[in-house]
Amino acid sequence: MKNEQVTRGQFLKELGLSSAALMAFYCLGGISACKSGSDPAPSTTTGTTTGTTTGTTTTGVDFTLDLTSSDYKGLKTSGGFVYKDDIIVANANGTFVALSKACTHEGTTVTYRSASNDMYCSNHGSQFNVDGTVKTGPAATKLKVYKTTLSADGNKLQVTA
């Protein structure tokens, strides 16, 4: 019997796993090709999810959040964040920021981490500065940034494209 080298893909193929099954296995974390052991853990900042997510890109953005409502009052505290449709809105150390919530690497929803003042993707460890630029990959493209305007009384936050 000949001693041959077999790649992981060949081995799994010989087991009879289809490419769809391999991708499902990969995406569920069975194969951790992109995950390093030193990825930082996300902060324990709590967020609120509101609106609906369709997985499509948000266009024509123009909405106002009432910071006195229970859905959005967490934004009045530094480190608070919420999701509205396809956008994450955060109080980044007293400054309101709004960015696309989908990581540009594989579309995983990012979270705001107040301790490091950045957006973090838990899927493969990408990190983004609050201006949307990539801090740490594998993501190579910045997050889309939206304009935020706080009303004079500090109770309404408008987000526009």
N, C-alpha and C. Protein backbone atom coordinates (compact mmCIF):
# COMPACT_ATOMS: atom_id res chain seq x y z
N MET A 1 0.84 -1.17 0.00
CA MET A 1 0.00 0.00 0.00
C MET A 1 0.90 1.24 0.00
N LYS A 2 0.56 2.20 -0.85
CA LYS A 2 1.34 3.41 -1.03
C LYS A 2 0.91 4.45 0.00
N ASN A 3 1.88 5.17 0.59
CA ASN A 3 1.59 6.21 1.56
C ASN A 3 1.48 7.54 0.83
N GLU A 4 0.24 8.11 0.67
CA GLU A 4 0.03 9.34 -0.08
C GLU A 4 -0.42 10.47 0.83
N GLN A 5 -0.02 11.71 0.47
CA GLN A 5 -0.48 12.90 1.16
C GLN A 5 -1.86 13.25 0.62
N VAL A 6 -2.80 13.55 1.50
CA VAL A 6 -4.15 13.92 1.10
C VAL A 6 -4.47 15.27 1.73
N THR A 7 -5.02 16.19 0.92
CA THR A 7 -5.40 17.50 1.47
C THR A 7 -6.70 17.36 2.26
N ARG A 8 -6.98 18.35 3.08
CA ARG A 8 -8.21 18.35 3.87
C ARG A 8 -9.43 18.26 2.96
N GLY A 9 -9.43 19.05 1.88
CA GLY A 9 -10.54 19.05 0.93
C GLY A 9 -10.75 17.70 0.29
N GLN A 10 -9.63 17.06 -0.12
CA GLN A 10 -9.72 15.74 -0.73
C GLN A 10 -10.27 14.72 0.28
N PHE A 11 -9.79 14.81 1.50
CA PHE A 11 -10.25 13.90 2.55
C PHE A 11 -11.75 14.01 2.76
N LEU A 12 -12.22 15.27 2.90
CA LEU A 12 -13.65 15.48 3.12
C LEU A 12 -14.47 15.08 1.91
N LYS A 13 -13.90 15.30 0.71
CA LYS A 13 -14.61 14.91 -0.51
C LYS A 13 -14.75 13.39 -0.56
N GLU A 14 -13.69 12.69 -0.17
CA GLU A 14 -13.74 11.23 -0.16
C GLU A 14 -14.73 10.71 0.87
N LEU A 15 -14.99 11.50 1.91
CA LEU A 15 -16.00 11.12 2.89
C LEU A 15 -17.40 11.28 2.31
N GLY A 16 -17.50 11.99 1.20
CA GLY A 16 -18.80 12.16 0.56
C GLY A 16 -19.51 13.45 0.92
N LEU A 17 -18.80 14.41 1.50
CA LEU A 17 -19.42 15.68 1.84
C LEU A 17 -19.44 16.58 0.62
N SER A 18 -20.60 17.13 0.30
CA SER A 18 -20.74 18.03 -0.83
C SER A 18 -20.11 19.38 -0.49
N SER A 19 -19.92 20.21 -1.51
CA SER A 19 -19.36 21.54 -1.26
C SER A 19 -20.31 22.37 -0.41
N ALA A 20 -21.62 22.18 -0.57
CA ALA A 20 -22.58 22.92 0.26
C ALA A 20 -22.44 22.50 1.72
N ALA A 21 -22.26 21.22 1.96
CA ALA A 21 -22.09 20.74 3.33
C ALA A 21 -20.77 21.26 3.91
N LEU A 22 -19.74 21.32 3.07
CA LEU A 22 -18.46 21.84 3.53
C LEU A 22 -18.57 23.31 3.92
N MET A 23 -19.29 24.10 3.11
CA MET A 23 -19.46 25.52 3.43
C MET A 23 -20.26 25.69 4.72
N ALA A 24 -21.31 24.90 4.89
CA ALA A 24 -22.09 24.98 6.12
C ALA A 24 -21.20 24.64 7.32
N PHE A 25 -20.40 23.60 7.18
CA PHE A 25 -19.50 23.17 8.24
C PHE A 25 -18.51 24.30 8.54
N TYR A 26 -17.96 24.90 7.49
CA TYR A 26 -17.00 25.99 7.64
C TYR A 26 -17.64 27.19 8.34
N CYS A 27 -18.84 27.59 7.89
CA CYS A 27 -19.50 28.77 8.44
C CYS A 27 -19.94 28.58 9.89
N LEU A 28 -20.19 27.37 10.28
CA LEU A 28 -20.58 27.09 11.66
C LEU A 28 -19.38 27.01 12.59
N GLY A 29 -18.20 27.14 12.02
CA GLY A 29 -17.01 27.20 12.86
C GLY A 29 -16.28 25.88 12.99
N GLY A 30 -16.69 24.87 12.25
CA GLY A 30 -16.02 23.58 12.32
C GLY A 30 -14.59 23.65 11.84
N ILE A 31 -14.36 24.50 10.85
CA ILE A 31 -13.01 24.72 10.34
C ILE A 31 -12.69 26.17 10.66
N SER A 32 -11.73 26.43 11.47
CA SER A 32 -11.46 27.79 11.92
C SER A 32 -10.27 28.40 11.18
N ALA A 33 -10.37 28.44 9.85
CA ALA A 33 -9.27 28.93 9.04
C ALA A 33 -9.00 30.42 9.25
N CYS A 34 -10.04 31.21 9.55
CA CYS A 34 -9.86 32.65 9.65
C CYS A 34 -9.78 33.14 11.09
N LYS A 35 -9.97 32.31 12.03
CA LYS A 35 -10.05 32.73 13.43
C LYS A 35 -8.70 32.53 14.09
N SER A 36 -8.22 33.57 14.73
CA SER A 36 -6.98 33.42 15.48
C SER A 36 -7.31 33.30 16.95
N GLY A 37 -6.44 32.72 17.68
CA GLY A 37 -6.68 32.53 19.11
C GLY A 37 -6.59 33.82 19.90
N SER A 38 -6.09 34.88 19.29
CA SER A 38 -5.89 36.11 20.05
C SER A 38 -6.94 37.18 19.74
N ASP A 39 -8.05 36.82 19.09
CA ASP A 39 -9.08 37.80 18.81
C ASP A 39 -9.61 38.36 20.12
N PRO A 40 -9.74 39.68 20.22
CA PRO A 40 -10.25 40.26 21.45
C PRO A 40 -11.73 39.97 21.61
N ALA A 41 -12.15 39.83 22.84
CA ALA A 41 -13.57 39.59 23.11
C ALA A 41 -14.32 40.91 23.02
N PRO A 42 -15.56 40.87 22.51
CA PRO A 42 -16.33 42.11 22.47
C PRO A 42 -16.64 42.58 23.88
N SER A 43 -16.86 43.90 24.01
CA SER A 43 -17.18 44.44 25.33
C SER A 43 -18.57 43.98 25.75
N THR A 44 -18.89 44.23 26.99
CA THR A 44 -20.19 43.82 27.50
C THR A 44 -21.24 44.92 27.34
N THR A 45 -20.95 45.92 26.48
CA THR A 45 -21.91 46.99 26.23
C THR A 45 -23.19 46.39 25.68
N THR A 46 -24.31 46.81 26.21
CA THR A 46 -25.57 46.29 25.71
C THR A 46 -26.09 47.16 24.60
N GLY A 47 -26.80 46.56 23.68
CA GLY A 47 -27.39 47.28 22.56
C GLY A 47 -28.84 46.91 22.43
N THR A 48 -29.55 47.68 21.64
CA THR A 48 -30.96 47.43 21.40
C THR A 48 -31.17 47.29 19.91
N THR A 49 -31.87 46.26 19.49
CA THR A 49 -32.15 46.08 18.09
C THR A 49 -33.57 46.55 17.82
N THR A 50 -33.72 47.43 16.85
CA THR A 50 -35.04 47.89 16.46
C THR A 50 -35.13 47.89 14.95
N GLY A 51 -36.33 47.93 14.43
CA GLY A 51 -36.52 47.94 12.99
C GLY A 51 -36.37 46.55 12.43
N THR A 52 -36.28 46.46 11.12
CA THR A 52 -36.14 45.16 10.47
C THR A 52 -34.89 45.14 9.64
N THR A 53 -34.34 43.97 9.47
CA THR A 53 -33.16 43.79 8.66
C THR A 53 -33.52 42.89 7.50
N THR A 54 -33.22 43.34 6.30
CA THR A 54 -33.54 42.55 5.13
C THR A 54 -32.30 41.96 4.49
N GLY A 55 -31.13 42.36 4.96
CA GLY A 55 -29.90 41.88 4.36
C GLY A 55 -29.52 42.69 3.12
N THR A 56 -30.29 43.71 2.80
CA THR A 56 -29.98 44.55 1.65
C THR A 56 -29.34 45.84 2.12
N THR A 57 -28.71 46.53 1.22
CA THR A 57 -28.07 47.79 1.56
C THR A 57 -29.13 48.87 1.74
N THR A 58 -29.00 49.65 2.80
CA THR A 58 -29.93 50.73 3.06
C THR A 58 -29.56 51.91 2.16
N THR A 59 -30.55 52.42 1.43
CA THR A 59 -30.33 53.60 0.60
C THR A 59 -31.35 54.65 0.98
N GLY A 60 -31.07 55.90 0.64
CA GLY A 60 -32.00 56.96 0.95
C GLY A 60 -32.24 57.10 2.44
N VAL A 61 -31.21 57.02 3.24
CA VAL A 61 -31.34 57.04 4.69
C VAL A 61 -31.72 58.45 5.16
N ASP A 62 -32.79 58.52 5.94
CA ASP A 62 -33.22 59.77 6.55
C ASP A 62 -34.25 59.41 7.62
N PHE A 63 -33.79 59.30 8.86
CA PHE A 63 -34.69 58.99 9.96
C PHE A 63 -34.25 59.74 11.21
N THR A 64 -35.17 59.87 12.14
CA THR A 64 -34.91 60.56 13.39
C THR A 64 -35.22 59.63 14.54
N LEU A 65 -34.31 59.55 15.50
CA LEU A 65 -34.49 58.73 16.70
C LEU A 65 -34.87 59.65 17.85
N ASP A 66 -35.94 59.30 18.55
CA ASP A 66 -36.38 60.05 19.73
C ASP A 66 -35.63 59.48 20.94
N LEU A 67 -34.66 60.21 21.43
CA LEU A 67 -33.80 59.72 22.51
C LEU A 67 -34.52 59.67 23.86
N THR A 68 -35.76 60.16 23.91
CA THR A 68 -36.54 60.05 25.14
C THR A 68 -37.36 58.76 25.16
N SER A 69 -37.48 58.08 24.01
CA SER A 69 -38.25 56.83 23.96
C SER A 69 -37.41 55.70 24.56
N SER A 70 -38.10 54.70 25.09
CA SER A 70 -37.40 53.58 25.72
C SER A 70 -36.54 52.81 24.72
N ASP A 71 -36.91 52.84 23.43
CA ASP A 71 -36.14 52.14 22.41
C ASP A 71 -34.76 52.74 22.19
N TYR A 72 -34.62 54.06 22.40
CA TYR A 72 -33.38 54.74 22.05
C TYR A 72 -32.72 55.50 23.21
N LYS A 73 -33.28 55.46 24.40
CA LYS A 73 -32.71 56.24 25.50
C LYS A 73 -31.30 55.77 25.88
N GLY A 74 -30.94 54.55 25.55
CA GLY A 74 -29.59 54.05 25.81
C GLY A 74 -28.52 54.84 25.09
N LEU A 75 -28.91 55.53 24.02
CA LEU A 75 -27.95 56.35 23.27
C LEU A 75 -27.51 57.59 24.04
N LYS A 76 -28.26 57.95 25.06
CA LYS A 76 -27.88 59.13 25.85
C LYS A 76 -26.66 58.84 26.72
N THR A 77 -26.33 57.57 26.91
CA THR A 77 -25.18 57.16 27.72
C THR A 77 -24.02 56.82 26.80
N SER A 78 -22.85 57.34 27.12
CA SER A 78 -21.66 57.01 26.35
C SER A 78 -21.46 55.49 26.33
N GLY A 79 -21.25 54.95 25.15
CA GLY A 79 -21.08 53.50 24.98
C GLY A 79 -22.34 52.81 24.54
N GLY A 80 -23.49 53.49 24.62
CA GLY A 80 -24.75 52.88 24.19
C GLY A 80 -24.83 52.82 22.67
N PHE A 81 -25.52 51.81 22.16
CA PHE A 81 -25.72 51.72 20.72
C PHE A 81 -27.03 51.02 20.43
N VAL A 82 -27.56 51.27 19.24
CA VAL A 82 -28.80 50.64 18.76
C VAL A 82 -28.64 50.31 17.29
N TYR A 83 -29.46 49.37 16.83
CA TYR A 83 -29.56 49.06 15.41
C TYR A 83 -30.88 49.61 14.90
N LYS A 84 -30.83 50.28 13.79
CA LYS A 84 -32.04 50.75 13.11
C LYS A 84 -31.90 50.32 11.67
N ASP A 85 -32.73 49.36 11.26
CA ASP A 85 -32.64 48.78 9.93
C ASP A 85 -31.22 48.25 9.71
N ASP A 86 -30.51 48.74 8.69
CA ASP A 86 -29.17 48.24 8.38
C ASP A 86 -28.05 49.11 8.94
N ILE A 87 -28.38 49.90 9.97
CA ILE A 87 -27.42 50.89 10.50
C ILE A 87 -27.22 50.67 12.00
N ILE A 88 -25.98 50.85 12.46
CA ILE A 88 -25.69 50.88 13.88
C ILE A 88 -25.44 52.34 14.26
N VAL A 89 -26.12 52.79 15.31
CA VAL A 89 -25.96 54.16 15.81
C VAL A 89 -25.38 54.02 17.22
N ALA A 90 -24.30 54.75 17.48
CA ALA A 90 -23.63 54.62 18.78
C ALA A 90 -23.28 55.99 19.36
N ASN A 91 -23.25 56.03 20.69
CA ASN A 91 -22.74 57.19 21.41
C ASN A 91 -21.28 56.87 21.71
N ALA A 92 -20.41 57.37 20.85
CA ALA A 92 -18.98 57.08 20.94
C ALA A 92 -18.30 58.17 21.76
N ASN A 93 -18.29 57.97 23.07
CA ASN A 93 -17.66 58.92 24.00
C ASN A 93 -18.22 60.33 23.85
N GLY A 94 -19.56 60.42 23.76
CA GLY A 94 -20.23 61.71 23.67
C GLY A 94 -20.49 62.22 22.26
N THR A 95 -19.99 61.53 21.26
CA THR A 95 -20.22 61.88 19.86
C THR A 95 -21.08 60.79 19.22
N PHE A 96 -22.14 61.18 18.55
CA PHE A 96 -23.00 60.20 17.90
C PHE A 96 -22.43 59.83 16.54
N VAL A 97 -22.37 58.52 16.27
CA VAL A 97 -21.91 58.02 14.98
C VAL A 97 -22.94 57.04 14.45
N ALA A 98 -23.06 56.98 13.13
CA ALA A 98 -23.96 56.03 12.47
C ALA A 98 -23.21 55.43 11.29
N LEU A 99 -23.18 54.09 11.26
CA LEU A 99 -22.45 53.39 10.21
C LEU A 99 -23.26 52.18 9.75
N SER A 100 -22.89 51.66 8.60
CA SER A 100 -23.48 50.41 8.14
C SER A 100 -23.16 49.35 9.18
N LYS A 101 -24.15 48.52 9.52
CA LYS A 101 -23.91 47.51 10.57
C LYS A 101 -23.30 46.22 10.03
N ALA A 102 -23.21 46.08 8.71
CA ALA A 102 -22.69 44.84 8.11
C ALA A 102 -21.19 44.94 7.87
N CYS A 103 -20.44 44.05 8.47
CA CYS A 103 -18.99 44.00 8.23
C CYS A 103 -18.75 43.84 6.73
N THR A 104 -17.78 44.55 6.22
CA THR A 104 -17.50 44.51 4.78
C THR A 104 -16.75 43.24 4.37
N HIS A 105 -16.38 42.42 5.32
CA HIS A 105 -15.70 41.17 4.99
C HIS A 105 -16.70 40.10 4.58
N GLU A 106 -17.67 39.79 5.46
CA GLU A 106 -18.66 38.76 5.13
C GLU A 106 -20.07 39.11 5.59
N GLY A 107 -20.30 40.37 5.97
CA GLY A 107 -21.66 40.82 6.26
C GLY A 107 -22.17 40.58 7.67
N THR A 108 -21.34 40.10 8.57
CA THR A 108 -21.75 39.89 9.95
C THR A 108 -22.03 41.24 10.62
N THR A 109 -23.02 41.28 11.50
CA THR A 109 -23.37 42.51 12.20
C THR A 109 -22.27 42.88 13.19
N VAL A 110 -21.82 44.13 13.10
CA VAL A 110 -20.78 44.63 14.01
C VAL A 110 -21.42 45.17 15.29
N THR A 111 -20.63 45.26 16.33
CA THR A 111 -21.07 45.87 17.59
C THR A 111 -20.11 47.00 17.94
N TYR A 112 -20.61 47.93 18.74
CA TYR A 112 -19.76 49.03 19.20
C TYR A 112 -19.11 48.63 20.51
N ARG A 113 -17.79 48.86 20.62
CA ARG A 113 -17.06 48.60 21.85
C ARG A 113 -16.56 49.92 22.40
N SER A 114 -17.13 50.33 23.52
CA SER A 114 -16.77 51.64 24.09
C SER A 114 -15.34 51.67 24.62
N ALA A 115 -14.86 50.56 25.16
CA ALA A 115 -13.52 50.54 25.74
C ALA A 115 -12.45 50.86 24.70
N SER A 116 -12.63 50.37 23.49
CA SER A 116 -11.65 50.64 22.42
C SER A 116 -12.18 51.63 21.39
N ASN A 117 -13.41 52.13 21.62
CA ASN A 117 -14.03 53.12 20.74
C ASN A 117 -13.98 52.68 19.28
N ASP A 118 -14.48 51.46 19.02
CA ASP A 118 -14.48 50.95 17.66
C ASP A 118 -15.67 50.02 17.42
N MET A 119 -15.83 49.63 16.16
CA MET A 119 -16.83 48.65 15.77
C MET A 119 -16.10 47.33 15.60
N TYR A 120 -16.73 46.25 16.10
CA TYR A 120 -16.06 44.96 16.12
C TYR A 120 -16.94 43.90 15.47
N CYS A 121 -16.35 43.11 14.60
CA CYS A 121 -17.04 41.97 13.98
C CYS A 121 -16.56 40.70 14.66
N SER A 122 -17.47 40.03 15.32
CA SER A 122 -17.11 38.83 16.07
C SER A 122 -16.85 37.62 15.18
N ASN A 123 -17.21 37.68 13.91
CA ASN A 123 -17.04 36.53 13.02
C ASN A 123 -15.58 36.22 12.74
N HIS A 124 -14.80 37.20 12.30
CA HIS A 124 -13.40 36.97 11.99
C HIS A 124 -12.47 38.00 12.62
N GLY A 125 -13.02 38.86 13.50
CA GLY A 125 -12.17 39.78 14.26
C GLY A 125 -11.88 41.11 13.61
N SER A 126 -12.57 41.46 12.51
CA SER A 126 -12.33 42.77 11.91
C SER A 126 -12.73 43.86 12.89
N GLN A 127 -11.98 44.96 12.85
CA GLN A 127 -12.25 46.12 13.70
C GLN A 127 -12.25 47.36 12.81
N PHE A 128 -13.19 48.27 13.11
CA PHE A 128 -13.33 49.50 12.35
C PHE A 128 -13.29 50.69 13.29
N ASN A 129 -12.61 51.76 12.89
CA ASN A 129 -12.65 53.01 13.64
C ASN A 129 -14.05 53.59 13.51
N VAL A 130 -14.43 54.52 14.38
CA VAL A 130 -15.77 55.09 14.33
C VAL A 130 -15.98 55.99 13.10
N ASP A 131 -14.92 56.27 12.35
CA ASP A 131 -15.09 56.98 11.08
C ASP A 131 -15.25 55.99 9.93
N GLY A 132 -15.39 54.70 10.26
CA GLY A 132 -15.64 53.66 9.27
C GLY A 132 -14.41 53.00 8.70
N THR A 133 -13.24 53.59 8.87
CA THR A 133 -12.03 53.01 8.29
C THR A 133 -11.65 51.71 8.99
N VAL A 134 -10.98 50.85 8.24
CA VAL A 134 -10.56 49.55 8.77
C VAL A 134 -9.40 49.75 9.73
N LYS A 135 -9.56 49.21 10.92
CA LYS A 135 -8.51 49.26 11.95
C LYS A 135 -7.70 47.97 11.89
N THR A 136 -8.41 46.83 11.79
CA THR A 136 -7.79 45.51 11.72
C THR A 136 -8.64 44.63 10.81
N GLY A 137 -8.00 43.93 9.87
CA GLY A 137 -8.71 43.04 8.94
C GLY A 137 -9.06 41.72 9.56
N PRO A 138 -9.66 40.86 8.78
CA PRO A 138 -9.51 40.70 7.35
C PRO A 138 -10.34 41.66 6.47
N ALA A 139 -11.28 42.40 7.01
CA ALA A 139 -12.03 43.34 6.17
C ALA A 139 -11.03 44.32 5.54
N ALA A 140 -11.27 44.65 4.26
CA ALA A 140 -10.37 45.56 3.56
C ALA A 140 -11.07 46.85 3.15
N THR A 141 -12.40 46.88 3.27
CA THR A 141 -13.18 48.04 2.86
C THR A 141 -13.84 48.67 4.07
N LYS A 142 -13.88 50.00 4.10
CA LYS A 142 -14.45 50.70 5.25
C LYS A 142 -15.97 50.55 5.29
N LEU A 143 -16.53 50.79 6.47
CA LEU A 143 -17.98 50.80 6.65
C LEU A 143 -18.53 52.13 6.13
N LYS A 144 -19.74 52.09 5.57
CA LYS A 144 -20.39 53.32 5.12
C LYS A 144 -20.77 54.13 6.35
N VAL A 145 -20.51 55.43 6.29
CA VAL A 145 -20.77 56.35 7.40
C VAL A 145 -21.96 57.23 7.03
N TYR A 146 -22.82 57.49 8.01
CA TYR A 146 -23.98 58.36 7.82
C TYR A 146 -23.82 59.59 8.71
N LYS A 147 -24.46 60.67 8.32
CA LYS A 147 -24.38 61.92 9.06
C LYS A 147 -25.37 61.89 10.22
N THR A 148 -24.94 62.37 11.38
CA THR A 148 -25.83 62.47 12.55
C THR A 148 -25.94 63.93 12.96
N THR A 149 -27.16 64.34 13.32
CA THR A 149 -27.41 65.71 13.78
C THR A 149 -28.29 65.64 15.01
N LEU A 150 -27.81 66.18 16.13
CA LEU A 150 -28.55 66.20 17.38
C LEU A 150 -29.35 67.50 17.47
N SER A 151 -30.62 67.40 17.85
CA SER A 151 -31.46 68.58 17.99
C SER A 151 -30.94 69.46 19.12
N ALA A 152 -31.37 70.72 19.12
CA ALA A 152 -30.91 71.69 20.12
C ALA A 152 -31.25 71.25 21.53
N ASP A 153 -32.39 70.58 21.71
CA ASP A 153 -32.78 70.13 23.06
C ASP A 153 -32.11 68.81 23.45
N GLY A 154 -31.38 68.18 22.52
CA GLY A 154 -30.67 66.94 22.82
C GLY A 154 -31.55 65.70 22.88
N ASN A 155 -32.78 65.79 22.39
CA ASN A 155 -33.72 64.67 22.47
C ASN A 155 -34.00 63.97 21.15
N LYS A 156 -33.56 64.54 20.05
CA LYS A 156 -33.80 63.94 18.73
C LYS A 156 -32.47 63.83 17.99
N LEU A 157 -32.23 62.66 17.42
CA LEU A 157 -31.01 62.43 16.64
C LEU A 157 -31.41 62.07 15.23
N GLN A 158 -31.05 62.91 14.28
CA GLN A 158 -31.37 62.66 12.88
C GLN A 158 -30.18 61.98 12.22
N VAL A 159 -30.48 60.94 11.42
CA VAL A 159 -29.45 60.21 10.68
C VAL A 159 -29.80 60.33 9.20
N THR A 160 -28.83 60.80 8.41
CA THR A 160 -29.06 60.97 6.97
C THR A 160 -27.87 60.43 6.19
N ALA A 161 -28.13 60.16 4.92
CA ALA A 161 -27.07 59.64 4.04
C ALA A 161 -26.11 60.75 3.67
